[in-house]
Protein backbone atom coordinates (compact mmCIF):
# COMPACT_ATOMS: atom_id res chain seq x y z
CA MET A 1 140.31 259.70 45.16
CA ASP A 2 143.99 258.89 45.79
CA LYS A 3 144.95 257.57 42.36
CA LYS A 4 144.16 258.27 38.75
CA MET A 5 141.82 255.86 37.01
CA THR A 6 142.02 253.76 33.91
CA VAL A 7 138.53 253.61 32.43
CA LEU A 8 137.29 251.14 29.84
CA VAL A 9 134.60 252.27 27.39
CA ILE A 10 133.01 249.40 25.44
CA GLY A 11 131.62 250.19 21.98
CA SER A 12 132.49 251.85 18.69
CA GLY A 13 129.77 254.40 17.94
CA GLY A 14 129.21 258.10 18.37
CA ARG A 15 127.78 257.52 21.84
CA GLU A 16 130.99 255.79 22.93
CA HIS A 17 133.20 258.51 21.42
CA ALA A 18 131.21 261.12 23.37
CA LEU A 19 131.50 259.08 26.57
CA ALA A 20 135.25 258.59 26.12
CA TRP A 21 135.74 262.28 25.25
CA LYS A 22 133.89 263.42 28.37
CA ILE A 23 135.47 260.87 30.71
CA ALA A 24 138.95 261.82 29.45
CA GLN A 25 138.36 265.40 30.61
CA SER A 26 138.36 264.28 34.24
CA PRO A 27 141.50 265.12 36.26
CA TYR A 28 140.97 261.76 37.99
CA VAL A 29 141.44 259.82 34.74
CA ASP A 30 144.85 258.84 33.41
CA LYS A 31 143.77 256.69 30.45
CA VAL A 32 140.60 255.70 28.60
CA VAL A 33 140.71 252.35 26.81
CA CYS A 34 138.16 252.10 23.98
CA ILE A 35 137.13 248.65 22.78
CA PRO A 36 137.05 248.61 19.84
CA GLY A 37 136.70 252.39 19.50
CA ASN A 38 136.73 254.17 16.13
CA GLY A 39 138.74 256.63 14.09
CA GLY A 40 137.79 259.47 16.39
CA THR A 41 138.74 257.81 19.68
CA ALA A 42 142.03 256.77 18.08
CA ARG A 43 142.93 260.47 17.92
CA GLU A 44 141.44 261.53 21.25
CA LYS A 45 143.74 262.64 24.08
CA LYS A 46 144.23 260.01 26.83
CA CYS A 47 142.42 257.42 24.67
CA GLN A 48 143.71 254.11 23.33
CA ASN A 49 141.84 251.72 21.04
CA ILE A 50 142.09 247.95 21.44
CA ASN A 51 140.71 245.89 18.58
CA ILE A 52 138.50 243.43 20.44
CA PRO A 53 134.84 243.11 19.36
CA ALA A 54 132.38 244.63 21.83
CA THR A 55 130.45 241.36 21.57
CA ASP A 56 133.39 239.25 22.79
CA THR A 57 132.27 239.03 26.40
CA LEU A 58 134.72 236.25 27.32
CA GLY A 59 137.66 238.17 25.86
CA LEU A 60 136.62 241.38 27.61
CA VAL A 61 136.22 239.64 30.96
CA LYS A 62 139.69 238.10 30.64
CA LEU A 63 141.19 241.48 29.73
CA ALA A 64 139.45 243.16 32.68
CA GLY A 65 140.82 240.52 35.06
CA HIS A 66 144.31 241.19 33.76
CA GLU A 67 144.21 244.98 33.42
CA ARG A 68 142.05 245.67 36.52
CA PHE A 69 140.18 248.62 35.05
CA ASP A 70 138.99 251.01 37.74
CA LEU A 71 135.71 251.59 35.93
CA THR A 72 134.04 250.10 32.86
CA VAL A 73 131.26 251.91 30.98
CA VAL A 74 129.21 249.79 28.59
CA GLY A 75 127.85 251.66 25.60
CA PRO A 76 125.99 249.19 23.32
CA GLU A 77 122.70 247.61 24.29
CA GLY A 78 123.69 244.28 22.74
CA SER A 79 126.47 243.74 25.28
CA LEU A 80 124.13 244.60 28.17
CA VAL A 81 121.33 242.33 26.97
CA ALA A 82 123.88 239.54 26.48
CA GLY A 83 124.82 239.78 30.16
CA ILE A 84 128.26 241.36 30.22
CA VAL A 85 127.54 242.95 33.63
CA ASP A 86 126.66 239.54 35.09
CA SER A 87 129.94 238.06 33.79
CA TRP A 88 132.18 240.91 34.98
CA PRO A 89 134.66 240.33 37.84
CA LYS A 90 132.68 241.10 40.99
CA ASP A 91 135.43 243.25 42.53
CA LEU A 92 135.59 245.61 39.54
CA ARG A 93 133.16 248.46 38.93
CA ILE A 94 131.05 248.31 35.77
CA TRP A 95 128.30 250.73 34.78
CA GLY A 96 125.15 249.28 33.26
CA PRO A 97 122.22 246.97 34.09
CA ASN A 98 122.42 243.21 34.40
CA ALA A 99 120.82 240.99 31.76
CA SER A 100 117.54 240.69 33.63
CA ALA A 101 117.04 244.45 33.88
CA ALA A 102 118.34 244.97 30.34
CA ARG A 103 115.23 243.18 29.05
CA LEU A 104 113.54 246.59 29.29
CA GLU A 105 115.25 247.24 25.96
CA GLY A 106 115.96 243.69 24.85
CA SER A 107 112.26 242.78 24.69
CA LYS A 108 109.50 245.20 23.71
CA ILE A 109 106.98 242.74 25.16
CA PHE A 110 108.76 242.65 28.53
CA ALA A 111 108.90 246.46 28.58
CA LYS A 112 105.21 246.85 27.72
CA GLU A 113 104.23 244.30 30.37
CA ALA A 114 106.28 246.25 32.92
CA MET A 115 104.57 249.50 31.95
CA ASP A 116 101.15 247.89 32.35
CA ARG A 117 102.10 246.26 35.66
CA TYR A 118 103.21 249.58 37.16
CA SER A 119 100.46 251.68 35.51
CA ILE A 120 102.89 253.65 33.36
CA SER A 121 101.05 255.32 30.51
CA THR A 122 101.81 253.91 27.05
CA ALA A 123 100.03 253.19 23.77
CA PRO A 124 97.49 250.32 23.68
CA TRP A 125 99.23 247.24 22.32
CA VAL A 126 99.00 243.55 21.50
CA TRP A 127 101.74 241.02 20.74
CA PHE A 128 102.07 238.14 18.27
CA TYR A 129 104.45 235.34 17.40
CA ASP A 130 102.66 234.40 14.18
CA GLN A 131 102.22 236.69 11.18
CA GLU A 132 99.02 235.11 9.91
CA THR A 133 97.39 235.46 13.33
CA ALA A 134 98.41 239.13 13.34
CA LYS A 135 96.82 239.67 9.93
CA ARG A 136 93.59 238.01 11.03
CA TRP A 137 93.55 240.30 14.07
CA LEU A 138 94.11 243.27 11.78
CA ASP A 139 91.05 242.33 9.72
CA THR A 140 88.90 242.78 12.84
CA GLN A 141 90.20 246.30 13.53
CA SER A 142 89.01 249.70 12.40
CA ASP A 143 91.29 251.75 10.15
CA ARG A 144 93.83 253.75 12.15
CA ASP A 145 97.56 254.49 12.29
CA LEU A 146 99.52 251.67 13.94
CA VAL A 147 103.15 250.86 14.66
CA VAL A 148 104.59 247.37 14.23
CA LYS A 149 107.69 246.70 16.36
CA ALA A 150 110.04 243.73 16.48
CA ASP A 151 110.37 242.39 20.00
CA GLY A 152 114.17 242.14 20.03
CA LEU A 153 117.14 244.36 19.21
CA THR A 154 117.28 245.72 15.66
CA GLY A 155 119.66 248.66 15.88
CA GLY A 156 116.78 251.13 15.96
CA LYS A 157 115.30 249.86 12.68
CA GLY A 158 112.57 247.54 13.99
CA ALA A 159 109.74 250.06 14.51
CA LEU A 160 107.63 250.46 11.38
CA VAL A 161 105.12 253.35 11.42
CA CYS A 162 102.06 252.62 9.27
CA SER A 163 99.29 254.87 8.00
CA ASN A 164 97.00 252.37 6.27
CA ARG A 165 96.00 248.71 6.29
CA GLU A 166 98.28 247.70 3.42
CA GLU A 167 101.33 249.29 5.09
CA ILE A 168 100.50 247.42 8.29
CA ARG A 169 100.30 244.09 6.46
CA GLN A 170 103.63 244.78 4.77
CA ALA A 171 105.18 245.70 8.13
CA ILE A 172 103.94 242.42 9.62
CA ASP A 173 105.60 240.55 6.73
CA ARG A 174 108.84 242.48 7.28
CA MET A 175 109.18 241.21 10.82
CA SER A 176 110.74 238.02 9.45
CA SER A 177 113.58 240.10 7.97
CA PHE A 178 114.77 240.88 11.51
CA GLY A 179 115.53 237.23 12.19
CA GLU A 180 115.36 236.14 15.83
CA ALA A 181 114.49 239.70 16.92
CA GLY A 182 111.33 239.65 14.80
CA LYS A 183 110.00 236.22 15.72
CA ARG A 184 107.76 237.97 18.22
CA PHE A 185 106.42 241.45 17.60
CA ILE A 186 103.94 243.96 18.91
CA ILE A 187 101.36 246.15 17.22
CA GLU A 188 100.45 249.35 19.01
CA GLU A 189 98.48 252.50 18.34
CA ARG A 190 100.52 255.32 16.87
CA LEU A 191 100.90 258.29 19.19
CA PHE A 192 101.05 261.88 18.03
CA GLY A 193 102.65 264.90 19.71
CA HIS A 194 106.18 265.98 20.53
CA GLU A 195 108.84 263.33 21.09
CA ALA A 196 111.41 263.78 23.86
CA SER A 197 114.10 261.71 25.52
CA LEU A 198 114.66 261.69 29.27
CA PHE A 199 117.79 260.08 30.71
CA LEU A 200 117.91 258.84 34.27
CA LEU A 201 121.01 257.85 36.21
CA CYS A 202 119.93 254.95 38.44
CA ASN A 203 122.59 253.77 40.88
CA ALA A 204 122.88 250.79 43.19
CA ASN A 205 122.07 253.08 46.12
CA LYS A 206 118.53 253.38 44.71
CA GLN A 207 119.10 256.96 43.65
CA ILE A 208 117.36 258.18 40.50
CA ILE A 209 118.93 261.34 39.13
CA PRO A 210 117.61 263.01 35.96
CA LEU A 211 120.10 264.06 33.31
CA GLU A 212 119.40 266.74 30.75
CA THR A 213 116.75 266.12 28.13
CA ALA A 214 117.05 265.80 24.37
CA GLN A 215 114.94 265.29 21.29
CA ASP A 216 116.13 263.11 18.43
CA TYR A 217 115.08 262.61 14.81
CA LYS A 218 114.51 259.00 13.79
CA ARG A 219 113.45 259.22 10.15
CA ALA A 220 116.10 259.16 7.43
CA GLU A 221 114.82 262.10 5.39
CA ASN A 222 113.75 265.71 5.90
CA ASN A 223 110.30 266.44 7.32
CA ASP A 224 110.34 263.07 9.11
CA ALA A 225 110.00 261.10 5.90
CA GLY A 226 111.66 257.84 4.95
CA PRO A 227 112.48 254.77 7.05
CA ASN A 228 113.31 254.71 10.74
CA THR A 229 117.02 254.84 11.60
CA GLY A 230 119.17 254.72 14.70
CA GLY A 231 118.92 258.52 14.77
CA MET A 232 119.77 261.34 12.35
CA GLY A 233 120.28 264.17 14.79
CA ALA A 234 119.26 265.64 18.13
CA TYR A 235 119.08 268.80 20.19
CA SER A 236 119.23 269.49 23.92
CA PRO A 237 117.36 270.52 26.00
CA ALA A 238 114.03 269.21 24.73
CA SER A 239 111.77 272.22 24.59
CA HIS A 240 108.49 270.49 25.51
CA LEU A 241 109.58 268.48 28.58
CA THR A 242 108.97 270.57 31.72
CA PRO A 243 110.51 270.12 35.21
CA ALA A 244 107.07 269.21 36.55
CA MET A 245 106.73 266.47 33.95
CA ILE A 246 110.19 265.11 34.81
CA THR A 247 109.31 264.94 38.50
CA GLU A 248 106.07 263.12 37.69
CA ILE A 249 107.78 260.68 35.32
CA ILE A 250 110.45 259.79 37.89
CA ALA A 251 107.86 259.26 40.62
CA LYS A 252 105.84 257.02 38.33
CA HIS A 253 108.89 254.95 37.37
CA HIS A 254 110.45 254.64 40.83
CA PRO A 255 108.58 251.43 41.83
CA MET A 256 109.47 249.70 38.56
CA ILE A 257 113.13 250.73 38.63
CA THR A 258 113.47 249.60 42.25
CA LYS A 259 111.71 246.27 41.68
CA VAL A 260 113.70 245.46 38.55
CA GLY A 261 116.90 246.41 40.39
CA PHE A 262 118.00 248.66 37.57
CA THR A 263 121.49 250.18 37.73
CA GLY A 264 122.75 252.26 34.82
CA PHE A 265 121.43 254.82 32.37
CA LEU A 266 117.71 254.44 31.69
CA TYR A 267 116.51 256.22 28.57
CA ILE A 268 112.79 256.91 28.48
CA GLY A 269 111.47 257.72 25.02
CA LEU A 270 108.35 259.87 25.42
CA MET A 271 105.49 261.27 23.41
CA LEU A 272 104.19 264.54 24.83
CA THR A 273 100.80 266.11 24.17
CA ASP A 274 99.21 269.19 25.67
CA LYS A 275 97.57 267.06 28.36
CA GLU A 276 99.77 264.05 29.09
CA TRP A 277 102.92 262.03 28.47
CA LYS A 278 103.19 258.46 27.30
CA VAL A 279 106.19 256.13 27.10
CA LEU A 280 107.21 255.02 23.62
CA GLU A 281 110.14 252.79 24.59
CA TYR A 282 113.01 252.20 26.98
CA ASN A 283 116.72 252.01 26.28
CA VAL A 284 119.06 250.68 28.95
CA ARG A 285 121.96 252.94 27.97
CA MET A 286 122.49 256.47 26.73
CA GLY A 287 120.81 257.24 23.43
CA ASP A 288 122.63 257.71 20.17
CA PRO A 289 122.82 260.48 18.92
CA GLU A 290 121.29 262.16 22.00
CA THR A 291 124.47 261.47 24.01
CA GLN A 292 126.42 263.69 21.61
CA ALA A 293 124.03 266.57 22.33
CA VAL A 294 123.72 266.02 26.08
CA LEU A 295 127.29 265.36 27.27
CA PRO A 296 128.85 268.57 25.86
CA ARG A 297 126.46 270.45 28.19
CA LEU A 298 127.57 268.46 31.26
CA GLU A 299 129.76 270.42 33.69
CA THR A 300 129.97 267.74 36.42
CA ASP A 301 132.88 265.26 36.30
CA LEU A 302 131.35 262.27 34.49
CA ALA A 303 134.11 259.82 35.39
CA LEU A 304 133.86 260.51 39.11
CA LEU A 305 130.06 260.48 38.97
CA LEU A 306 129.93 257.05 37.29
CA TYR A 307 132.69 255.63 39.51
CA LYS A 308 130.62 256.43 42.59
CA ALA A 309 127.35 255.30 41.01
CA ALA A 310 128.80 251.97 39.86
CA GLY A 311 130.12 251.32 43.37
CA GLY A 312 126.77 251.98 45.03
CA GLU A 313 128.04 255.16 46.65
CA LYS A 314 125.66 258.07 47.09
CA CYS A 315 126.04 260.60 44.29
CA GLN A 316 125.36 264.28 44.46
CA ASP A 317 121.70 264.94 43.76
CA GLU A 318 122.42 268.00 41.66
CA ILE A 319 124.38 267.66 38.45
CA LYS A 320 125.63 270.87 36.86
CA TRP A 321 124.73 271.69 33.28
CA SER A 322 125.65 274.47 30.89
CA LYS A 323 122.83 276.85 30.06
CA GLN A 324 123.86 276.64 26.42
CA ALA A 325 121.89 274.56 23.96
CA ALA A 326 123.43 271.83 21.80
CA VAL A 327 122.56 270.50 18.35
CA THR A 328 123.92 267.33 16.75
CA VAL A 329 123.68 266.60 13.02
CA VAL A 330 124.39 263.01 11.98
CA MET A 331 126.23 262.49 8.71
CA THR A 332 125.71 259.12 7.04
CA GLU A 333 126.72 257.03 4.08
CA LYS A 334 124.20 257.44 1.26
CA GLY A 335 121.69 254.59 1.41
CA TYR A 336 121.62 254.26 5.19
CA PRO A 337 119.65 252.61 6.84
CA GLY A 338 119.58 250.32 3.80
CA ASP A 339 122.61 249.20 1.80
CA TYR A 340 125.63 251.46 1.78
CA GLN A 341 129.31 251.21 1.04
CA LYS A 342 132.33 251.62 3.32
CA GLY A 343 135.87 252.82 2.83
CA ASP A 344 135.36 256.38 1.59
CA VAL A 345 138.07 258.86 2.63
CA ILE A 346 136.67 261.66 4.82
CA ILE A 347 138.06 265.12 4.11
CA GLY A 348 137.50 268.45 5.81
CA LEU A 349 137.64 267.35 9.47
CA ASP A 350 140.57 269.58 10.39
CA ARG A 351 139.20 272.53 8.41
CA ALA A 352 135.82 272.21 10.14
CA LYS A 353 137.49 272.47 13.53
CA ILE A 354 139.29 275.65 12.47
CA VAL A 355 136.32 277.37 10.80
CA ALA A 356 133.80 276.25 13.43
CA PRO A 357 135.84 275.97 16.66
CA ASN A 358 132.71 275.60 18.78
CA ALA A 359 131.81 272.40 16.93
CA ILE A 360 132.71 268.96 18.27
CA ILE A 361 132.99 266.11 15.77
CA PHE A 362 132.07 262.74 17.25
CA HIS A 363 132.92 259.72 15.15
CA ALA A 364 130.63 256.72 14.78
CA GLY A 365 131.25 254.59 11.69
CA THR A 366 134.89 255.52 11.05
CA ILE A 367 138.25 253.82 11.10
CA LEU A 368 141.81 255.22 11.13
CA VAL A 369 144.02 253.79 8.36
CA GLY A 370 147.47 255.35 8.32
CA ASN A 371 146.81 259.08 8.50
CA GLU A 372 143.39 258.90 6.87
CA ILE A 373 139.93 258.55 8.39
CA LEU A 374 137.68 256.24 6.35
CA THR A 375 133.95 255.58 6.57
CA HIS A 376 133.22 252.26 8.26
CA GLY A 377 129.48 252.29 8.98
CA GLY A 378 126.12 253.74 8.05
CA ARG A 379 126.14 256.57 10.56
CA VAL A 380 129.56 258.11 10.12
CA LEU A 381 129.81 261.32 12.18
CA GLY A 382 127.80 263.29 14.71
CA VAL A 383 128.64 266.98 14.34
CA THR A 384 127.71 268.82 17.54
CA ALA A 385 127.78 272.50 18.40
CA LEU A 386 126.92 274.58 21.45
CA GLY A 387 125.23 277.97 21.30
CA LYS A 388 123.32 280.48 23.38
CA ASN A 389 120.15 278.93 21.99
CA VAL A 390 119.16 276.08 19.67
CA ALA A 391 119.15 278.31 16.58
CA SER A 392 122.70 279.50 17.26
CA ALA A 393 123.97 275.97 17.93
CA ARG A 394 122.23 274.72 14.80
CA LYS A 395 123.92 277.33 12.62
CA THR A 396 127.38 276.41 13.90
CA ALA A 397 126.76 272.68 13.52
CA TYR A 398 125.70 273.03 9.89
CA ASN A 399 128.63 275.38 9.17
CA ALA A 400 130.90 272.52 10.20
CA VAL A 401 128.87 269.90 8.32
CA ASP A 402 129.19 271.91 5.10
CA LEU A 403 132.99 271.57 5.27
CA ILE A 404 133.06 267.77 5.66
CA THR A 405 132.60 265.31 2.82
CA TRP A 406 133.42 261.86 1.49
CA GLY A 407 132.19 262.63 -1.99
CA LYS A 408 128.94 261.56 -3.62
CA ASN A 409 128.09 259.18 -0.77
CA THR A 410 127.80 261.94 1.87
CA ALA A 411 124.27 262.30 3.26
CA TYR A 412 122.51 264.09 6.13
CA ARG A 413 119.23 265.75 7.00
CA SER A 414 119.17 269.51 6.57
CA ASP A 415 116.28 270.15 8.98
CA ILE A 416 117.63 269.02 12.36
CA ALA A 417 116.34 271.40 15.07
CA LYS A 418 114.86 273.67 12.41
CA GLY A 419 112.34 276.10 13.84
CA VAL A 420 112.92 275.07 17.48
């Protein structure tokens, strides 16, 4: 490459901070523009925040036409489902699927129909657009654990795991609380086993390249109790996902990915048992918080890799990864994923970096006001550490977490990657 790039990263969460942090490490990158970014990206080397909402597609397209970004990386699923890739100037490179392919995340029904069409193993399911019809169906069923999922985007909060008939009926009623996203919903059998996340890089040259694996923790409380969240922590690599499984999963998905014309990061959420794997869900972007655990282990130049992939150029088949493990602990505002407050002053960030130098603090729901970092969302920070194994990385991550606080509203799980 003859010139240094200016890269745009769209989004404001921990995933986008990790992407911007990794892209900025490239010697081919001069500047990373983060829209809107957060308190962490505001302090990151080579990074600049611009306060435009990630949902303002028209404003972003106009800015891209003026600034001529060499590469744009879209973080949030909402922007992808809304069709930002379709609206982007055709002569500029943007990384992510178009709106049609993004339905793999934007509609649970579309995703399940695709799995069935291509014989991809998943839980038995049925869909409804009427709550009373769903309850009548439930009355005909035997007692078993089921999961009720809103069809549309809910920020990771629309999957309700139920253990008895009354919980299922309550979950059906709760679909209306998700607004448009919950007008249609599915009910599927609950799967048991080990969860894992597999990320695939799918480029316009019809290459499918696996990235490193991760396992995340969805429930808000220790021992996988409490409501589902966007993610409370993660570790990488996922201990139960073998190379043979990855090869099989890619082969099984290749026809679907090719037919859909998918370009971007495809996240495959999996349930693993001793005998088989089944797909839980798809995301059409990197996971959050899994990105914070995966990217610190990446040794290949991410900016150059995505620049080539977005342009349809052939990428190297082998991506280099550190042999170290990574653990990410998400720190939240007390009350998340329910009601929580904003505006608490975060203290201890600088001390954590000194005491635990191997820790990396990715910001999610933060904002920079003067010289202070304030909480600005439910998930506030993703504290990541590398180590020779998961146990070592976990110890360092929690050493850093113990030094960071915003008072009585600080919350986090204490069992992320415990016993792995």
